[in-house]
PDB file of N, CA and C in Angstrom:
ATOM      1  N   UNK A   1       3.039  32.380  68.611  1.00  0.00           N
ATOM      2  CA  UNK A   1       2.540  31.967  67.585  1.00  0.00           C
ATOM      3  C   UNK A   1       4.257  31.509  66.425  1.00  0.00           C
ATOM      4  N   UNK A   2       4.216  30.330  66.194  1.00  0.00           N
ATOM      5  CA  UNK A   2       4.734  30.086  65.445  1.00  0.00           C
ATOM      6  C   UNK A   2       4.786  30.400  64.174  1.00  0.00           C
ATOM      7  N   UNK A   3       6.552  30.472  63.509  1.00  0.00           N
ATOM      8  CA  UNK A   3       6.595  31.913  62.496  1.00  0.00           C
ATOM      9  C   UNK A   3       6.889  30.365  61.644  1.00  0.00           C
ATOM     10  N   UNK A   4       5.550  30.892  60.525  1.00  0.00           N
ATOM     11  CA  UNK A   4       5.275  29.697  58.814  1.00  0.00           C
ATOM     12  C   UNK A   4       6.620  30.286  57.461  1.00  0.00           C
ATOM     13  N   UNK A   5       7.033  29.459  56.957  1.00  0.00           N
ATOM     14  CA  UNK A   5       7.946  30.397  55.970  1.00  0.00           C
ATOM     15  C   UNK A   5       7.310  28.478  54.656  1.00  0.00           C
ATOM     16  N   UNK A   6       6.986  29.309  53.959  1.00  0.00           N
ATOM     17  CA  UNK A   6       6.750  28.153  52.530  1.00  0.00           C
ATOM     18  C   UNK A   6       7.878  28.632  51.784  1.00  0.00           C
ATOM     19  N   UNK A   7       7.578  26.603  51.610  1.00  0.00           N
ATOM     20  CA  UNK A   7       8.755  26.675  49.859  1.00  0.00           C
ATOM     21  C   UNK A   7       7.571  26.423  49.076  1.00  0.00           C
ATOM     22  N   UNK A   8       7.900  27.006  47.578  1.00  0.00           N
ATOM     23  CA  UNK A   8       7.757  26.185  46.789  1.00  0.00           C
ATOM     24  C   UNK A   8       9.135  25.321  46.397  1.00  0.00           C
ATOM     25  N   UNK A   9       8.426  24.690  45.207  1.00  0.00           N
ATOM     26  CA  UNK A   9       9.529  23.815  44.590  1.00  0.00           C
ATOM     27  C   UNK A   9       8.911  23.790  42.540  1.00  0.00           C
ATOM     28  N   UNK A  10       9.115  23.938  42.202  1.00  0.00           N
ATOM     29  CA  UNK A  10       8.815  23.567  40.881  1.00  0.00           C
ATOM     30  C   UNK A  10       9.289  21.943  40.234  1.00  0.00           C
ATOM     31  N   UNK A  11       8.303  21.392  40.213  1.00  0.00           N
ATOM     32  CA  UNK A  11       8.438  20.250  39.552  1.00  0.00           C
ATOM     33  C   UNK A  11       8.575  20.172  38.211  1.00  0.00           C
ATOM     34  N   UNK A  12       8.971  18.884  38.376  1.00  0.00           N
ATOM     35  CA  UNK A  12       8.882  18.246  36.119  1.00  0.00           C
ATOM     36  C   UNK A  12       7.492  18.653  35.604  1.00  0.00           C
ATOM     37  N   UNK A  13       6.264  18.608  36.095  1.00  0.00           N
ATOM     38  CA  UNK A  13       5.565  18.825  35.701  1.00  0.00           C
ATOM     39  C   UNK A  13       5.151  20.453  35.533  1.00  0.00           C
ATOM     40  N   UNK A  14       5.832  21.369  35.566  1.00  0.00           N
ATOM     41  CA  UNK A  14       5.406  22.709  36.111  1.00  0.00           C
ATOM     42  C   UNK A  14       6.283  22.914  34.157  1.00  0.00           C
ATOM     43  N   UNK A  15       7.017  22.436  33.696  1.00  0.00           N
ATOM     44  CA  UNK A  15       8.223  22.245  32.162  1.00  0.00           C
ATOM     45  C   UNK A  15       7.298  22.620  31.596  1.00  0.00           C
ATOM     46  N   UNK A  16       7.159  23.339  30.705  1.00  0.00           N
ATOM     47  CA  UNK A  16       6.639  23.491  29.252  1.00  0.00           C
ATOM     48  C   UNK A  16       6.083  22.276  28.661  1.00  0.00           C
ATOM     49  N   UNK A  17       5.368  21.683  27.851  1.00  0.00           N
ATOM     50  CA  UNK A  17       5.087  20.257  26.980  1.00  0.00           C
ATOM     51  C   UNK A  17       6.345  20.520  26.060  1.00  0.00           C
ATOM     52  N   UNK A  18       6.299  19.844  25.390  1.00  0.00           N
ATOM     53  CA  UNK A  18       6.695  20.473  23.975  1.00  0.00           C
ATOM     54  C   UNK A  18       6.561  19.218  23.002  1.00  0.00           C
ATOM     55  N   UNK A  19       5.809  18.762  21.459  1.00  0.00           N
ATOM     56  CA  UNK A  19       5.119  18.120  21.003  1.00  0.00           C
ATOM     57  C   UNK A  19       5.937  17.241  19.979  1.00  0.00           C
ATOM     58  N   UNK A  20       5.120  16.322  20.739  1.00  0.00           N
ATOM     59  CA  UNK A  20       6.211  15.550  20.197  1.00  0.00           C
ATOM     60  C   UNK A  20       7.306  15.321  17.945  1.00  0.00           C
ATOM     61  N   UNK A  21       7.961  14.504  18.405  1.00  0.00           N
ATOM     62  CA  UNK A  21       9.684  15.114  17.129  1.00  0.00           C
ATOM     63  C   UNK A  21       8.767  14.108  16.151  1.00  0.00           C
ATOM     64  N   UNK A  22       9.174  14.241  15.282  1.00  0.00           N
ATOM     65  CA  UNK A  22       8.481  13.770  13.659  1.00  0.00           C
ATOM     66  C   UNK A  22       9.929  12.771  13.163  1.00  0.00           C
ATOM     67  N   UNK A  23       9.803  11.660  12.773  1.00  0.00           N
ATOM     68  CA  UNK A  23      11.008  10.651  12.512  1.00  0.00           C
ATOM     69  C   UNK A  23      10.900  10.273  10.905  1.00  0.00           C
ATOM     70  N   UNK A  24      11.839  10.254  10.541  1.00  0.00           N
ATOM     71  CA  UNK A  24      11.940  10.166   8.376  1.00  0.00           C
ATOM     72  C   UNK A  24      11.731   8.528   8.558  1.00  0.00           C
ATOM     73  N   UNK A  25      10.702   7.292   7.975  1.00  0.00           N
ATOM     74  CA  UNK A  25      11.052   6.154   7.997  1.00  0.00           C
ATOM     75  C   UNK A  25      11.617   6.173   6.941  1.00  0.00           C
ATOM     76  N   UNK A  26      12.667   5.448   6.177  1.00  0.00           N
ATOM     77  CA  UNK A  26      14.167   5.399   5.670  1.00  0.00           C
ATOM     78  C   UNK A  26      14.049   3.569   4.914  1.00  0.00           C
ATOM     79  N   UNK A  27      13.866   3.419   3.870  1.00  0.00           N
ATOM     80  CA  UNK A  27      13.884   3.110   2.750  1.00  0.00           C
ATOM     81  C   UNK A  27      15.236   3.023   2.648  1.00  0.00           C
ATOM     82  N   UNK A  28      16.149   1.084   2.667  1.00  0.00           N
ATOM     83  CA  UNK A  28      17.609   1.463   2.043  1.00  0.00           C
ATOM     84  C   UNK A  28      17.173   0.216   1.672  1.00  0.00           C
ATOM     85  N   UNK A  29      18.432   0.863   0.215  1.00  0.00           N
ATOM     86  CA  UNK A  29      18.391   0.045  -0.855  1.00  0.00           C
ATOM     87  C   UNK A  29      19.713  -1.427  -0.921  1.00  0.00           C
ATOM     88  N   UNK A  30      18.933  -2.350  -1.156  1.00  0.00           N
ATOM     89  CA  UNK A  30      19.578  -3.671  -1.123  1.00  0.00           C
ATOM     90  C   UNK A  30      20.118  -4.516  -2.973  1.00  0.00           C
ATOM     91  N   UNK A  31      20.485  -5.262  -3.129  1.00  0.00           N
ATOM     92  CA  UNK A  31      20.739  -5.907  -3.973  1.00  0.00           C
ATOM     93  C   UNK A  31      19.783  -7.160  -4.260  1.00  0.00           C
ATOM     94  N   UNK A  32      18.947  -7.568  -3.554  1.00  0.00           N
ATOM     95  CA  UNK A  32      17.891  -9.584  -2.984  1.00  0.00           C
ATOM     96  C   UNK A  32      15.992  -8.631  -3.346  1.00  0.00           C
ATOM     97  N   UNK A  33      16.199  -7.192  -3.855  1.00  0.00           N
ATOM     98  CA  UNK A  33      14.092  -6.846  -3.283  1.00  0.00           C
ATOM     99  C   UNK A  33      14.332  -6.911  -4.603  1.00  0.00           C
ATOM    100  N   UNK A  34      12.991  -6.700  -4.435  1.00  0.00           N
ATOM    101  CA  UNK A  34      12.748  -6.450  -6.085  1.00  0.00           C
ATOM    102  C   UNK A  34      11.995  -4.594  -6.004  1.00  0.00           C
ATOM    103  N   UNK A  35      12.608  -4.242  -6.644  1.00  0.00           N
ATOM    104  CA  UNK A  35      11.628  -2.795  -6.745  1.00  0.00           C
ATOM    105  C   UNK A  35       9.596  -3.445  -6.482  1.00  0.00           C
ATOM    106  N   UNK A  36       9.292  -4.359  -7.288  1.00  0.00           N
ATOM    107  CA  UNK A  36       7.869  -4.221  -7.378  1.00  0.00           C
ATOM    108  C   UNK A  36       7.633  -4.081  -5.737  1.00  0.00           C
ATOM    109  N   UNK A  37       8.598  -5.003  -4.778  1.00  0.00           N
ATOM    110  CA  UNK A  37       7.696  -5.391  -4.028  1.00  0.00           C
ATOM    111  C   UNK A  37       8.540  -3.983  -2.871  1.00  0.00           C
ATOM    112  N   UNK A  38       8.976  -3.069  -3.139  1.00  0.00           N
ATOM    113  CA  UNK A  38       9.348  -2.138  -2.480  1.00  0.00           C
ATOM    114  C   UNK A  38       8.012  -1.638  -3.320  1.00  0.00           C
ATOM    115  N   UNK A  39       7.796  -1.126  -4.012  1.00  0.00           N
ATOM    116  CA  UNK A  39       6.316  -0.892  -5.214  1.00  0.00           C
ATOM    117  C   UNK A  39       5.570  -0.988  -3.846  1.00  0.00           C
ATOM    118  N   UNK A  40       5.092  -2.144  -3.537  1.00  0.00           N
ATOM    119  CA  UNK A  40       4.246  -2.787  -2.718  1.00  0.00           C
ATOM    120  C   UNK A  40       4.225  -2.052  -1.433  1.00  0.00           C
ATOM    121  N   UNK A  41       5.187  -2.001  -0.734  1.00  0.00           N
ATOM    122  CA  UNK A  41       5.674  -1.385   0.763  1.00  0.00           C
ATOM    123  C   UNK A  41       4.915  -0.361   0.694  1.00  0.00           C
ATOM    124  N   UNK A  42       5.638   0.492  -0.027  1.00  0.00           N
ATOM    125  CA  UNK A  42       5.002   1.627  -0.914  1.00  0.00           C
ATOM    126  C   UNK A  42       3.499   2.426  -0.055  1.00  0.00           C
ATOM    127  N   UNK A  43       2.534   1.541  -1.566  1.00  0.00           N
ATOM    128  CA  UNK A  43       1.824   2.060  -1.497  1.00  0.00           C
ATOM    129  C   UNK A  43       0.525   1.319  -0.345  1.00  0.00           C
ATOM    130  N   UNK A  44       0.886   0.261   0.491  1.00  0.00           N
ATOM    131  CA  UNK A  44      -0.123  -1.033   1.416  1.00  0.00           C
ATOM    132  C   UNK A  44       0.249  -0.326   2.600  1.00  0.00           C
ATOM    133  N   UNK A  45       1.632   0.554   2.159  1.00  0.00           N
ATOM    134  CA  UNK A  45       1.855   0.428   4.373  1.00  0.00           C
ATOM    135  C   UNK A  45       2.272   1.906   4.602  1.00  0.00           C
ATOM    136  N   UNK A  46       2.899   2.723   3.397  1.00  0.00           N
ATOM    137  CA  UNK A  46       2.815   3.738   3.736  1.00  0.00           C
ATOM    138  C   UNK A  46       1.900   4.744   2.747  1.00  0.00           C
ATOM    139  N   UNK A  47       0.483   3.905   2.520  1.00  0.00           N
ATOM    140  CA  UNK A  47      -0.717   4.465   1.461  1.00  0.00           C
ATOM    141  C   UNK A  47      -0.299   5.372   0.948  1.00  0.00           C
ATOM    142  N   UNK A  48       0.566   5.426  -0.195  1.00  0.00           N
ATOM    143  CA  UNK A  48       1.941   6.074  -1.510  1.00  0.00           C
ATOM    144  C   UNK A  48       1.139   5.879  -2.588  1.00  0.00           C
ATOM    145  N   UNK A  49       0.553   6.751  -3.606  1.00  0.00           N
ATOM    146  CA  UNK A  49      -0.178   5.906  -4.505  1.00  0.00           C
ATOM    147  C   UNK A  49       0.810   5.179  -5.494  1.00  0.00           C
ATOM    148  N   UNK A  50       0.454   4.774  -6.166  1.00  0.00           N
ATOM    149  CA  UNK A  50       0.832   4.311  -7.537  1.00  0.00           C
ATOM    150  C   UNK A  50       2.404   4.685  -8.793  1.00  0.00           C
ATOM    151  N   UNK A  51       2.607   6.857  -8.349  1.00  0.00           N
ATOM    152  CA  UNK A  51       3.630   7.544  -8.550  1.00  0.00           C
ATOM    153  C   UNK A  51       4.184   7.219  -8.009  1.00  0.00           C
ATOM    154  N   UNK A  52       3.583   8.148  -6.884  1.00  0.00           N
ATOM    155  CA  UNK A  52       4.836   8.640  -6.074  1.00  0.00           C
ATOM    156  C   UNK A  52       5.818   7.757  -5.613  1.00  0.00           C
ATOM    157  N   UNK A  53       5.296   5.804  -5.706  1.00  0.00           N
ATOM    158  CA  UNK A  53       5.516   5.053  -4.922  1.00  0.00           C
ATOM    159  C   UNK A  53       6.906   4.343  -5.706  1.00  0.00           C
ATOM    160  N   UNK A  54       6.623   5.008  -6.732  1.00  0.00           N
ATOM    161  CA  UNK A  54       7.325   5.071  -7.511  1.00  0.00           C
ATOM    162  C   UNK A  54       8.589   5.901  -7.710  1.00  0.00           C
ATOM    163  N   UNK A  55       8.035   7.054  -8.044  1.00  0.00           N
ATOM    164  CA  UNK A  55       8.812   7.592  -7.440  1.00  0.00           C
ATOM    165  C   UNK A  55      10.679   7.642  -6.330  1.00  0.00           C
ATOM    166  N   UNK A  56       9.802   7.079  -4.860  1.00  0.00           N
ATOM    167  CA  UNK A  56      10.455   7.192  -3.829  1.00  0.00           C
ATOM    168  C   UNK A  56      11.245   5.146  -4.251  1.00  0.00           C
ATOM    169  N   UNK A  57      10.700   4.444  -4.957  1.00  0.00           N
ATOM    170  CA  UNK A  57      11.461   2.910  -4.808  1.00  0.00           C
ATOM    171  C   UNK A  57      12.666   3.952  -6.361  1.00  0.00           C
ATOM    172  N   UNK A  58      12.537   4.673  -6.354  1.00  0.00           N
ATOM    173  CA  UNK A  58      13.516   5.089  -7.865  1.00  0.00           C
ATOM    174  C   UNK A  58      14.432   5.940  -7.423  1.00  0.00           C
ATOM    175  N   UNK A  59      14.661   6.733  -6.300  1.00  0.00           N
ATOM    176  CA  UNK A  59      15.828   8.061  -4.975  1.00  0.00           C
ATOM    177  C   UNK A  59      16.092   6.087  -4.649  1.00  0.00           C
ATOM    178  N   UNK A  60      15.021   5.561  -3.830  1.00  0.00           N
ATOM    179  CA  UNK A  60      16.096   4.498  -3.330  1.00  0.00           C
ATOM    180  C   UNK A  60      17.076   3.631  -3.951  1.00  0.00           C
ATOM    181  N   UNK A  61      17.015   3.311  -4.786  1.00  0.00           N
ATOM    182  CA  UNK A  61      17.215   2.652  -6.135  1.00  0.00           C
ATOM    183  C   UNK A  61      18.126   3.492  -6.777  1.00  0.00           C
ATOM    184  N   UNK A  62      18.396   4.413  -6.772  1.00  0.00           N
ATOM    185  CA  UNK A  62      20.395   5.286  -7.396  1.00  0.00           C
ATOM    186  C   UNK A  62      20.626   6.134  -6.281  1.00  0.00           C
ATOM    187  N   UNK A  63      20.273   6.148  -4.933  1.00  0.00           N
ATOM    188  CA  UNK A  63      20.823   7.379  -4.376  1.00  0.00           C
ATOM    189  C   UNK A  63      21.041   6.129  -2.268  1.00  0.00           C
ATOM    190  N   UNK A  64      20.175   4.420  -3.088  1.00  0.00           N
ATOM    191  CA  UNK A  64      20.484   3.925  -1.495  1.00  0.00           C
ATOM    192  C   UNK A  64      19.113   4.305  -0.794  1.00  0.00           C
ATOM    193  N   UNK A  65      19.421   5.567  -1.140  1.00  0.00           N
ATOM    194  CA  UNK A  65      18.179   5.259   0.827  1.00  0.00           C
ATOM    195  C   UNK A  65      16.951   6.542   0.363  1.00  0.00           C
ATOM    196  N   UNK A  66      15.707   6.134   0.408  1.00  0.00           N
ATOM    197  CA  UNK A  66      14.527   7.058   0.669  1.00  0.00           C
ATOM    198  C   UNK A  66      13.537   7.734   1.026  1.00  0.00           C
ATOM    199  N   UNK A  67      13.126   7.732   2.256  1.00  0.00           N
ATOM    200  CA  UNK A  67      12.047   8.722   2.534  1.00  0.00           C
ATOM    201  C   UNK A  67      10.933   8.565   2.639  1.00  0.00           C
ATOM    202  N   UNK A  68      10.674   7.265   2.946  1.00  0.00           N
ATOM    203  CA  UNK A  68       9.018   6.572   2.630  1.00  0.00           C
ATOM    204  C   UNK A  68       7.640   6.861   3.741  1.00  0.00           C
ATOM    205  N   UNK A  69       7.868   8.132   4.265  1.00  0.00           N
ATOM    206  CA  UNK A  69       7.696   9.299   4.903  1.00  0.00           C
ATOM    207  C   UNK A  69       8.049   9.580   6.619  1.00  0.00           C
ATOM    208  N   UNK A  70       7.283  10.589   6.963  1.00  0.00           N
ATOM    209  CA  UNK A  70       7.724  11.611   8.129  1.00  0.00           C
ATOM    210  C   UNK A  70       6.664  11.883   9.135  1.00  0.00           C
ATOM    211  N   UNK A  71       6.992  10.742  10.209  1.00  0.00           N
ATOM    212  CA  UNK A  71       6.167  10.472  11.553  1.00  0.00           C
ATOM    213  C   UNK A  71       6.058  11.235  12.348  1.00  0.00           C
ATOM    214  N   UNK A  72       4.679  10.894  14.152  1.00  0.00           N
ATOM    215  CA  UNK A  72       5.963  11.118  14.874  1.00  0.00           C
ATOM    216  C   UNK A  72       6.698   9.392  15.664  1.00  0.00           C
ATOM    217  N   UNK A  73       7.239   9.706  16.579  1.00  0.00           N
ATOM    218  CA  UNK A  73       7.621   8.687  16.514  1.00  0.00           C
ATOM    219  C   UNK A  73       7.027   6.602  16.518  1.00  0.00           C
ATOM    220  N   UNK A  74       5.916   6.440  17.381  1.00  0.00           N
ATOM    221  CA  UNK A  74       5.279   5.757  18.288  1.00  0.00           C
ATOM    222  C   UNK A  74       4.985   5.326  16.667  1.00  0.00           C
ATOM    223  N   UNK A  75       4.719   5.671  15.482  1.00  0.00           N
ATOM    224  CA  UNK A  75       3.438   5.666  14.628  1.00  0.00           C
ATOM    225  C   UNK A  75       5.314   4.958  13.139  1.00  0.00           C
ATOM    226  N   UNK A  76       6.151   5.500  13.693  1.00  0.00           N
ATOM    227  CA  UNK A  76       7.272   5.570  12.670  1.00  0.00           C
ATOM    228  C   UNK A  76       8.075   4.262  12.751  1.00  0.00           C
ATOM    229  N   UNK A  77       8.018   4.191  14.481  1.00  0.00           N
ATOM    230  CA  UNK A  77       8.114   2.373  14.686  1.00  0.00           C
ATOM    231  C   UNK A  77       7.837   1.437  14.262  1.00  0.00           C
ATOM    232  N   UNK A  78       5.873   1.466  14.737  1.00  0.00           N
ATOM    233  CA  UNK A  78       4.957   0.943  13.450  1.00  0.00           C
ATOM    234  C   UNK A  78       5.884   0.276  12.130  1.00  0.00           C
ATOM    235  N   UNK A  79       5.516   1.538  11.239  1.00  0.00           N
ATOM    236  CA  UNK A  79       5.972   1.317  10.247  1.00  0.00           C
ATOM    237  C   UNK A  79       7.119   0.326   9.868  1.00  0.00           C
ATOM    238  N   UNK A  80       8.471   0.882   9.947  1.00  0.00           N
ATOM    239  CA  UNK A  80       9.392   0.113  10.722  1.00  0.00           C
ATOM    240  C   UNK A  80       9.152  -1.257  10.648  1.00  0.00           C
ATOM    241  N   UNK A  81       8.807  -1.044  12.030  1.00  0.00           N
ATOM    242  CA  UNK A  81       8.479  -3.535  12.090  1.00  0.00           C
ATOM    243  C   UNK A  81       7.700  -3.443  11.199  1.00  0.00           C
ATOM    244  N   UNK A  82       6.139  -2.810  10.840  1.00  0.00           N
ATOM    245  CA  UNK A  82       5.970  -3.413   9.239  1.00  0.00           C
ATOM    246  C   UNK A  82       6.634  -4.130   8.093  1.00  0.00           C
ATOM    247  N   UNK A  83       6.798  -3.066   8.021  1.00  0.00           N
ATOM    248  CA  UNK A  83       8.481  -3.435   6.814  1.00  0.00           C
ATOM    249  C   UNK A  83       9.373  -4.307   6.927  1.00  0.00           C
ATOM    250  N   UNK A  84       9.751  -4.482   8.035  1.00  0.00           N
ATOM    251  CA  UNK A  84      10.563  -5.880   8.052  1.00  0.00           C
ATOM    252  C   UNK A  84       9.729  -7.269   7.919  1.00  0.00           C
ATOM    253  N   UNK A  85       8.680  -6.721   9.053  1.00  0.00           N
ATOM    254  CA  UNK A  85       7.336  -8.185   9.337  1.00  0.00           C
ATOM    255  C   UNK A  85       7.249  -8.304   7.505  1.00  0.00           C
ATOM    256  N   UNK A  86       6.540  -7.951   6.635  1.00  0.00           N
ATOM    257  CA  UNK A  86       6.556  -7.849   5.508  1.00  0.00           C
ATOM    258  C   UNK A  86       7.271  -8.816   4.431  1.00  0.00           C
ATOM    259  N   UNK A  87       8.964  -8.042   4.466  1.00  0.00           N
ATOM    260  CA  UNK A  87      10.174  -7.599   4.108  1.00  0.00           C
ATOM    261  C   UNK A  87      10.654  -9.423   4.234  1.00  0.00           C
ATOM    262  N   UNK A  88      10.810  -9.848   6.016  1.00  0.00           N
ATOM    263  CA  UNK A  88      10.879 -11.300   6.184  1.00  0.00           C
ATOM    264  C   UNK A  88       9.930 -12.673   5.718  1.00  0.00           C
ATOM    265  N   UNK A  89       8.770 -11.836   5.590  1.00  0.00           N
ATOM    266  CA  UNK A  89       7.773 -13.333   4.497  1.00  0.00           C
ATOM    267  C   UNK A  89       8.176 -13.382   3.218  1.00  0.00           C
ATOM    268  N   UNK A  90       8.372 -12.384   2.857  1.00  0.00           N
ATOM    269  CA  UNK A  90       8.292 -13.163   1.132  1.00  0.00           C
ATOM    270  C   UNK A  90      10.173 -12.938   1.382  1.00  0.00           C
ATOM    271  N   UNK A  91      10.962 -13.075   2.116  1.00  0.00           N
ATOM    272  CA  UNK A  91      12.395 -13.912   2.019  1.00  0.00           C
ATOM    273  C   UNK A  91      13.609 -12.549   1.478  1.00  0.00           C
ATOM    274  N   UNK A  92      13.033 -10.359   1.612  1.00  0.00           N
ATOM    275  CA  UNK A  92      13.911 -10.113   1.000  1.00  0.00           C
ATOM    276  C   UNK A  92      14.891  -8.982   2.375  1.00  0.00           C
ATOM    277  N   UNK A  93      15.886  -9.068   2.000  1.00  0.00           N
ATOM    278  CA  UNK A  93      15.905  -8.170   3.616  1.00  0.00           C
ATOM    279  C   UNK A  93      16.257  -6.621   3.098  1.00  0.00           C
ATOM    280  N   UNK A  94      15.571  -6.403   2.850  1.00  0.00           N
ATOM    281  CA  UNK A  94      14.853  -5.089   3.137  1.00  0.00           C
ATOM    282  C   UNK A  94      15.209  -4.071   4.599  1.00  0.00           C
ATOM    283  N   UNK A  95      16.263  -3.284   4.682  1.00  0.00           N
ATOM    284  CA  UNK A  95      15.860  -2.319   5.086  1.00  0.00           C
ATOM    285  C   UNK A  95      15.136  -1.384   6.156  1.00  0.00           C
ATOM    286  N   UNK A  96      15.142  -0.935   6.647  1.00  0.00           N
ATOM    287  CA  UNK A  96      14.242  -0.093   7.401  1.00  0.00           C
ATOM    288  C   UNK A  96      13.956   0.239   8.502  1.00  0.00           C
ATOM    289  N   UNK A  97      15.120   1.678   8.160  1.00  0.00           N
ATOM    290  CA  UNK A  97      15.202   2.077   9.407  1.00  0.00           C
ATOM    291  C   UNK A  97      14.183   4.195   9.850  1.00  0.00           C
ATOM    292  N   UNK A  98      14.359   4.424  10.822  1.00  0.00           N
ATOM    293  CA  UNK A  98      13.691   5.805  11.443  1.00  0.00           C
ATOM    294  C   UNK A  98      14.680   6.823  12.052  1.00  0.00           C
ATOM    295  N   UNK A  99      14.832   7.516  11.536  1.00  0.00           N
ATOM    296  CA  UNK A  99      16.175   9.101  11.783  1.00  0.00           C
ATOM    297  C   UNK A  99      14.571  10.341  12.055  1.00  0.00           C
ATOM    298  N   UNK A 100      15.113  10.597  13.130  1.00  0.00           N
ATOM    299  CA  UNK A 100      14.888  11.829  13.952  1.00  0.00           C
ATOM    300  C   UNK A 100      14.842  13.504  12.683  1.00  0.00           C
ATOM    301  N   UNK A 101      13.837  13.950  12.675  1.00  0.00           N
ATOM    302  CA  UNK A 101      13.776  14.157  11.296  1.00  0.00           C
ATOM    303  C   UNK A 101      14.340  16.030  12.195  1.00  0.00           C
TER     304      UNK A 101
END
């Protein structure tokens, strides 16, 4: 009878799954985008109420940058793309980026 040797390999699928990371969606201040447009973006894309939107807009205006929301990567990327699309449509240079939390 032949000698049977079992070899086991740990595959990549055996590794522990991790939760997807969260990302800050950031709005950057510029000298041309109107405060009203930023508030509109915050209310319509990020679903902030008028008080929250005004607070974030002032943070962007005073500090140069502000967090519009925190989302998983796919949602963050979609929000960034939507902000950039709307800003271009309205001819504003509003910059929107994301960073890992």
